[in-house]
């Protein structure tokens, strides 16, 4: 095997590895609209739960402070 016969093979391997790396980097970017949707839905759930549970949590906190202050 001579150097001239090995060089094209190395170039072909390099080209394949580079193409695979480019495809992998593109697929690793993720789905930006999907992440935006998940973030907005999570924020919406937090707002809904906080609006429903907020008054109850406030009263529980105030009762706990009153009990501690009573000692």
PDB file of N, CA and C in Angstrom:
ATOM      1  N   UNK A   1       0.846  -1.162   0.000  1.00  0.00           N
ATOM      2  CA  UNK A   1       0.000   0.000   0.000  1.00  0.00           C
ATOM      3  C   UNK A   1       0.896   1.230   0.000  1.00  0.00           C
ATOM      4  N   UNK A   2       0.601   2.146  -0.893  1.00  0.00           N
ATOM      5  CA  UNK A   2       1.415   3.348  -0.998  1.00  0.00           C
ATOM      6  C   UNK A   2       0.676   4.521  -0.367  1.00  0.00           C
ATOM      7  N   UNK A   3       1.415   5.587  -0.131  1.00  0.00           N
ATOM      8  CA  UNK A   3       0.829   6.783   0.467  1.00  0.00           C
ATOM      9  C   UNK A   3      -0.238   7.382  -0.437  1.00  0.00           C
ATOM     10  N   UNK A   4      -0.049   7.315  -1.731  1.00  0.00           N
ATOM     11  CA  UNK A   4      -1.031   7.884  -2.657  1.00  0.00           C
ATOM     12  C   UNK A   4      -2.340   7.099  -2.640  1.00  0.00           C
ATOM     13  N   UNK A   5      -2.297   5.814  -2.326  1.00  0.00           N
ATOM     14  CA  UNK A   5      -3.534   5.034  -2.266  1.00  0.00           C
ATOM     15  C   UNK A   5      -4.231   5.198  -0.909  1.00  0.00           C
ATOM     16  N   UNK A   6      -3.504   5.591   0.120  1.00  0.00           N
ATOM     17  CA  UNK A   6      -4.094   5.765   1.445  1.00  0.00           C
ATOM     18  C   UNK A   6      -4.727   7.147   1.576  1.00  0.00           C
ATOM     19  N   UNK A   7      -4.148   8.148   0.948  1.00  0.00           N
ATOM     20  CA  UNK A   7      -4.616   9.520   1.085  1.00  0.00           C
ATOM     21  C   UNK A   7      -6.090   9.689   0.699  1.00  0.00           C
ATOM     22  N   UNK A   8      -6.564   9.153  -0.430  1.00  0.00           N
ATOM     23  CA  UNK A   8      -7.992   9.309  -0.743  1.00  0.00           C
ATOM     24  C   UNK A   8      -8.887   8.659   0.310  1.00  0.00           C
ATOM     25  N   UNK A   9      -8.457   7.541   0.860  1.00  0.00           N
ATOM     26  CA  UNK A   9      -9.251   6.868   1.874  1.00  0.00           C
ATOM     27  C   UNK A   9      -9.357   7.730   3.127  1.00  0.00           C
ATOM     28  N   UNK A  10      -8.264   8.356   3.518  1.00  0.00           N
ATOM     29  CA  UNK A  10      -8.298   9.235   4.678  1.00  0.00           C
ATOM     30  C   UNK A  10      -9.185  10.443   4.420  1.00  0.00           C
ATOM     31  N   UNK A  11      -9.118  10.977   3.216  1.00  0.00           N
ATOM     32  CA  UNK A  11      -9.976  12.107   2.871  1.00  0.00           C
ATOM     33  C   UNK A  11     -11.452  11.706   2.920  1.00  0.00           C
ATOM     34  N   UNK A  12     -11.751  10.520   2.428  1.00  0.00           N
ATOM     35  CA  UNK A  12     -13.127  10.050   2.452  1.00  0.00           C
ATOM     36  C   UNK A  12     -13.610   9.860   3.897  1.00  0.00           C
ATOM     37  N   UNK A  13     -12.753   9.295   4.739  1.00  0.00           N
ATOM     38  CA  UNK A  13     -13.126   9.111   6.145  1.00  0.00           C
ATOM     39  C   UNK A  13     -13.330  10.447   6.828  1.00  0.00           C
ATOM     40  N   UNK A  14     -12.443  11.393   6.565  1.00  0.00           N
ATOM     41  CA  UNK A  14     -12.571  12.724   7.151  1.00  0.00           C
ATOM     42  C   UNK A  14     -13.877  13.370   6.707  1.00  0.00           C
ATOM     43  N   UNK A  15     -14.206  13.237   5.423  1.00  0.00           N
ATOM     44  CA  UNK A  15     -15.436  13.823   4.902  1.00  0.00           C
ATOM     45  C   UNK A  15     -16.654  13.191   5.569  1.00  0.00           C
ATOM     46  N   UNK A  16     -16.625  11.868   5.778  1.00  0.00           N
ATOM     47  CA  UNK A  16     -17.740  11.193   6.436  1.00  0.00           C
ATOM     48  C   UNK A  16     -17.873  11.629   7.896  1.00  0.00           C
ATOM     49  N   UNK A  17     -16.752  11.709   8.586  1.00  0.00           N
ATOM     50  CA  UNK A  17     -16.779  12.120   9.992  1.00  0.00           C
ATOM     51  C   UNK A  17     -17.279  13.549  10.120  1.00  0.00           C
ATOM     52  N   UNK A  18     -16.819  14.409   9.229  1.00  0.00           N
ATOM     53  CA  UNK A  18     -17.245  15.814   9.271  1.00  0.00           C
ATOM     54  C   UNK A  18     -18.738  15.925   8.971  1.00  0.00           C
ATOM     55  N   UNK A  19     -19.224  15.196   7.992  1.00  0.00           N
ATOM     56  CA  UNK A  19     -20.648  15.232   7.661  1.00  0.00           C
ATOM     57  C   UNK A  19     -21.488  14.712   8.820  1.00  0.00           C
ATOM     58  N   UNK A  20     -21.019  13.674   9.478  1.00  0.00           N
ATOM     59  CA  UNK A  20     -21.730  13.138  10.637  1.00  0.00           C
ATOM     60  C   UNK A  20     -21.751  14.145  11.777  1.00  0.00           C
ATOM     61  N   UNK A  21     -20.635  14.841  11.992  1.00  0.00           N
ATOM     62  CA  UNK A  21     -20.572  15.845  13.056  1.00  0.00           C
ATOM     63  C   UNK A  21     -21.515  17.010  12.764  1.00  0.00           C
ATOM     64  N   UNK A  22     -21.591  17.424  11.518  1.00  0.00           N
ATOM     65  CA  UNK A  22     -22.484  18.521  11.152  1.00  0.00           C
ATOM     66  C   UNK A  22     -23.925  18.109  11.382  1.00  0.00           C
ATOM     67  N   UNK A  23     -24.295  16.912  10.984  1.00  0.00           N
ATOM     68  CA  UNK A  23     -25.667  16.440  11.189  1.00  0.00           C
ATOM     69  C   UNK A  23     -25.981  16.309  12.670  1.00  0.00           C
ATOM     70  N   UNK A  24     -25.037  15.820  13.435  1.00  0.00           N
ATOM     71  CA  UNK A  24     -25.261  15.664  14.879  1.00  0.00           C
ATOM     72  C   UNK A  24     -25.425  17.014  15.551  1.00  0.00           C
ATOM     73  N   UNK A  25     -24.643  17.997  15.143  1.00  0.00           N
ATOM     74  CA  UNK A  25     -24.764  19.312  15.765  1.00  0.00           C
ATOM     75  C   UNK A  25     -26.092  19.965  15.412  1.00  0.00           C
ATOM     76  N   UNK A  26     -26.593  19.707  14.229  1.00  0.00           N
ATOM     77  CA  UNK A  26     -27.895  20.254  13.853  1.00  0.00           C
ATOM     78  C   UNK A  26     -29.008  19.601  14.635  1.00  0.00           C
ATOM     79  N   UNK A  27     -28.922  18.304  14.869  1.00  0.00           N
ATOM     80  CA  UNK A  27     -29.984  17.611  15.588  1.00  0.00           C
ATOM     81  C   UNK A  27     -29.937  17.896  17.078  1.00  0.00           C
ATOM     82  N   UNK A  28     -28.829  18.385  17.606  1.00  0.00           N
ATOM     83  CA  UNK A  28     -28.703  18.682  19.026  1.00  0.00           C
ATOM     84  C   UNK A  28     -29.224  20.063  19.383  1.00  0.00           C
ATOM     85  N   UNK A  29     -29.621  20.838  18.413  1.00  0.00           N
ATOM     86  CA  UNK A  29     -30.088  22.193  18.696  1.00  0.00           C
ATOM     87  C   UNK A  29     -31.387  22.179  19.483  1.00  0.00           C
ATOM     88  N   UNK A  30     -32.233  21.227  19.236  1.00  0.00           N
ATOM     89  CA  UNK A  30     -33.500  21.146  19.943  1.00  0.00           C
ATOM     90  C   UNK A  30     -34.601  21.873  19.197  1.00  0.00           C
ATOM     91  N   UNK A  31     -35.759  21.776  19.742  1.00  0.00           N
ATOM     92  CA  UNK A  31     -36.939  22.361  19.132  1.00  0.00           C
ATOM     93  C   UNK A  31     -37.291  23.627  19.900  1.00  0.00           C
ATOM     94  N   UNK A  32     -36.870  24.781  19.383  1.00  0.00           N
ATOM     95  CA  UNK A  32     -37.063  26.043  20.101  1.00  0.00           C
ATOM     96  C   UNK A  32     -38.538  26.345  20.316  1.00  0.00           C
ATOM     97  N   UNK A  33     -39.415  26.248  19.328  1.00  0.00           N
ATOM     98  CA  UNK A  33     -40.834  26.509  19.609  1.00  0.00           C
ATOM     99  C   UNK A  33     -41.407  25.571  20.665  1.00  0.00           C
ATOM    100  N   UNK A  34     -40.934  24.350  20.703  1.00  0.00           N
ATOM    101  CA  UNK A  34     -41.392  23.414  21.729  1.00  0.00           C
ATOM    102  C   UNK A  34     -40.998  23.862  23.114  1.00  0.00           C
ATOM    103  N   UNK A  35     -39.752  24.328  23.268  1.00  0.00           N
ATOM    104  CA  UNK A  35     -39.301  24.814  24.574  1.00  0.00           C
ATOM    105  C   UNK A  35     -40.038  26.078  24.977  1.00  0.00           C
ATOM    106  N   UNK A  36     -40.338  26.933  24.014  1.00  0.00           N
ATOM    107  CA  UNK A  36     -41.091  28.148  24.322  1.00  0.00           C
ATOM    108  C   UNK A  36     -42.490  27.775  24.803  1.00  0.00           C
ATOM    109  N   UNK A  37     -43.099  26.827  24.126  1.00  0.00           N
ATOM    110  CA  UNK A  37     -44.439  26.381  24.520  1.00  0.00           C
ATOM    111  C   UNK A  37     -44.430  25.773  25.916  1.00  0.00           C
ATOM    112  N   UNK A  38     -43.448  24.939  26.212  1.00  0.00           N
ATOM    113  CA  UNK A  38     -43.342  24.335  27.542  1.00  0.00           C
ATOM    114  C   UNK A  38     -43.156  25.412  28.600  1.00  0.00           C
ATOM    115  N   UNK A  39     -42.314  26.398  28.326  1.00  0.00           N
ATOM    116  CA  UNK A  39     -42.078  27.479  29.289  1.00  0.00           C
ATOM    117  C   UNK A  39     -43.346  28.286  29.538  1.00  0.00           C
ATOM    118  N   UNK A  40     -44.060  28.634  28.471  1.00  0.00           N
ATOM    119  CA  UNK A  40     -45.294  29.406  28.630  1.00  0.00           C
ATOM    120  C   UNK A  40     -46.370  28.609  29.363  1.00  0.00           C
ATOM    121  N   UNK A  41     -46.472  27.323  29.061  1.00  0.00           N
ATOM    122  CA  UNK A  41     -47.458  26.491  29.750  1.00  0.00           C
ATOM    123  C   UNK A  41     -47.123  26.357  31.235  1.00  0.00           C
ATOM    124  N   UNK A  42     -45.840  26.213  31.545  1.00  0.00           N
ATOM    125  CA  UNK A  42     -45.431  26.117  32.944  1.00  0.00           C
ATOM    126  C   UNK A  42     -45.737  27.413  33.676  1.00  0.00           C
ATOM    127  N   UNK A  43     -45.432  28.539  33.056  1.00  0.00           N
ATOM    128  CA  UNK A  43     -45.729  29.831  33.678  1.00  0.00           C
ATOM    129  C   UNK A  43     -47.234  29.991  33.884  1.00  0.00           C
ATOM    130  N   UNK A  44     -48.016  29.557  32.919  1.00  0.00           N
ATOM    131  CA  UNK A  44     -49.476  29.630  33.061  1.00  0.00           C
ATOM    132  C   UNK A  44     -49.983  28.776  34.205  1.00  0.00           C
ATOM    133  N   UNK A  45     -49.444  27.567  34.332  1.00  0.00           N
ATOM    134  CA  UNK A  45     -49.843  26.699  35.442  1.00  0.00           C
ATOM    135  C   UNK A  45     -49.467  27.296  36.789  1.00  0.00           C
ATOM    136  N   UNK A  46     -48.282  27.881  36.866  1.00  0.00           N
ATOM    137  CA  UNK A  46     -47.857  28.508  38.122  1.00  0.00           C
ATOM    138  C   UNK A  46     -48.802  29.647  38.482  1.00  0.00           C
ATOM    139  N   UNK A  47     -49.173  30.468  37.512  1.00  0.00           N
ATOM    140  CA  UNK A  47     -50.081  31.592  37.775  1.00  0.00           C
ATOM    141  C   UNK A  47     -51.444  31.091  38.239  1.00  0.00           C
ATOM    142  N   UNK A  48     -51.967  30.061  37.584  1.00  0.00           N
ATOM    143  CA  UNK A  48     -53.281  29.520  37.963  1.00  0.00           C
ATOM    144  C   UNK A  48     -53.235  28.913  39.364  1.00  0.00           C
ATOM    145  N   UNK A  49     -52.226  28.109  39.633  1.00  0.00           N
ATOM    146  CA  UNK A  49     -52.114  27.477  40.952  1.00  0.00           C
ATOM    147  C   UNK A  49     -51.901  28.527  42.030  1.00  0.00           C
ATOM    148  N   UNK A  50     -51.064  29.526  41.752  1.00  0.00           N
ATOM    149  CA  UNK A  50     -50.809  30.576  42.744  1.00  0.00           C
ATOM    150  C   UNK A  50     -52.080  31.377  43.030  1.00  0.00           C
ATOM    151  N   UNK A  51     -52.874  31.662  41.993  1.00  0.00           N
ATOM    152  CA  UNK A  51     -54.104  32.433  42.209  1.00  0.00           C
ATOM    153  C   UNK A  51     -55.119  31.634  43.018  1.00  0.00           C
ATOM    154  N   UNK A  52     -55.133  30.319  42.850  1.00  0.00           N
ATOM    155  CA  UNK A  52     -56.067  29.488  43.608  1.00  0.00           C
ATOM    156  C   UNK A  52     -55.579  29.229  45.028  1.00  0.00           C
ATOM    157  N   UNK A  53     -54.302  28.955  45.182  1.00  0.00           N
ATOM    158  CA  UNK A  53     -53.765  28.566  46.490  1.00  0.00           C
ATOM    159  C   UNK A  53     -53.193  29.740  47.264  1.00  0.00           C
ATOM    160  N   UNK A  54     -53.024  30.892  46.649  1.00  0.00           N
ATOM    161  CA  UNK A  54     -52.412  32.046  47.307  1.00  0.00           C
ATOM    162  C   UNK A  54     -53.099  32.468  48.590  1.00  0.00           C
ATOM    163  N   UNK A  55     -54.413  32.687  48.572  1.00  0.00           N
ATOM    164  CA  UNK A  55     -55.086  33.090  49.807  1.00  0.00           C
ATOM    165  C   UNK A  55     -54.964  32.045  50.922  1.00  0.00           C
ATOM    166  N   UNK A  56     -55.081  30.783  50.580  1.00  0.00           N
ATOM    167  CA  UNK A  56     -54.965  29.733  51.594  1.00  0.00           C
ATOM    168  C   UNK A  56     -53.549  29.695  52.160  1.00  0.00           C
ATOM    169  N   UNK A  57     -52.555  29.848  51.314  1.00  0.00           N
ATOM    170  CA  UNK A  57     -51.178  29.855  51.796  1.00  0.00           C
ATOM    171  C   UNK A  57     -50.899  31.069  52.667  1.00  0.00           C
ATOM    172  N   UNK A  58     -51.472  32.189  52.323  1.00  0.00           N
ATOM    173  CA  UNK A  58     -51.294  33.402  53.139  1.00  0.00           C
ATOM    174  C   UNK A  58     -51.894  33.217  54.523  1.00  0.00           C
ATOM    175  N   UNK A  59     -53.087  32.637  54.584  1.00  0.00           N
ATOM    176  CA  UNK A  59     -53.719  32.436  55.898  1.00  0.00           C
ATOM    177  C   UNK A  59     -52.946  31.424  56.732  1.00  0.00           C
ATOM    178  N   UNK A  60     -52.423  30.368  56.105  1.00  0.00           N
ATOM    179  CA  UNK A  60     -51.611  29.394  56.834  1.00  0.00           C
ATOM    180  C   UNK A  60     -50.350  30.061  57.367  1.00  0.00           C
ATOM    181  N   UNK A  61     -49.721  30.896  56.564  1.00  0.00           N
ATOM    182  CA  UNK A  61     -48.515  31.599  57.001  1.00  0.00           C
ATOM    183  C   UNK A  61     -48.815  32.545  58.162  1.00  0.00           C
ATOM    184  N   UNK A  62     -49.899  33.292  58.046  1.00  0.00           N
ATOM    185  CA  UNK A  62     -50.269  34.228  59.117  1.00  0.00           C
ATOM    186  C   UNK A  62     -50.582  33.494  60.416  1.00  0.00           C
ATOM    187  N   UNK A  63     -51.271  32.354  60.325  1.00  0.00           N
ATOM    188  CA  UNK A  63     -51.563  31.565  61.519  1.00  0.00           C
ATOM    189  C   UNK A  63     -50.277  31.045  62.158  1.00  0.00           C
ATOM    190  N   UNK A  64     -49.351  30.611  61.339  1.00  0.00           N
ATOM    191  CA  UNK A  64     -48.080  30.111  61.870  1.00  0.00           C
ATOM    192  C   UNK A  64     -47.310  31.227  62.564  1.00  0.00           C
ATOM    193  N   UNK A  65     -47.290  32.414  61.987  1.00  0.00           N
ATOM    194  CA  UNK A  65     -46.602  33.555  62.604  1.00  0.00           C
ATOM    195  C   UNK A  65     -47.284  33.922  63.929  1.00  0.00           C
ATOM    196  N   UNK A  66     -48.602  33.908  63.965  1.00  0.00           N
ATOM    197  CA  UNK A  66     -49.323  34.238  65.202  1.00  0.00           C
ATOM    198  C   UNK A  66     -49.025  33.226  66.309  1.00  0.00           C
ATOM    199  N   UNK A  67     -48.947  31.946  65.940  1.00  0.00           N
ATOM    200  CA  UNK A  67     -48.648  30.912  66.938  1.00  0.00           C
ATOM    201  C   UNK A  67     -47.229  31.068  67.475  1.00  0.00           C
ATOM    202  N   UNK A  68     -46.291  31.393  66.593  1.00  0.00           N
ATOM    203  CA  UNK A  68     -44.908  31.569  67.036  1.00  0.00           C
ATOM    204  C   UNK A  68     -44.798  32.832  67.887  1.00  0.00           C
ATOM    205  N   UNK A  69     -45.490  33.866  67.489  1.00  0.00           N
ATOM    206  CA  UNK A  69     -45.463  35.118  68.240  1.00  0.00           C
ATOM    207  C   UNK A  69     -46.149  34.982  69.600  1.00  0.00           C
ATOM    208  N   UNK A  70     -47.058  34.036  69.748  1.00  0.00           N
ATOM    209  CA  UNK A  70     -47.789  33.829  70.990  1.00  0.00           C
ATOM    210  C   UNK A  70     -46.939  33.254  72.106  1.00  0.00           C
ATOM    211  N   UNK A  71     -45.787  32.701  71.790  1.00  0.00           N
ATOM    212  CA  UNK A  71     -44.926  32.101  72.837  1.00  0.00           C
ATOM    213  C   UNK A  71     -44.295  33.144  73.618  1.00  0.00           C
TER     214      UNK A  71
END
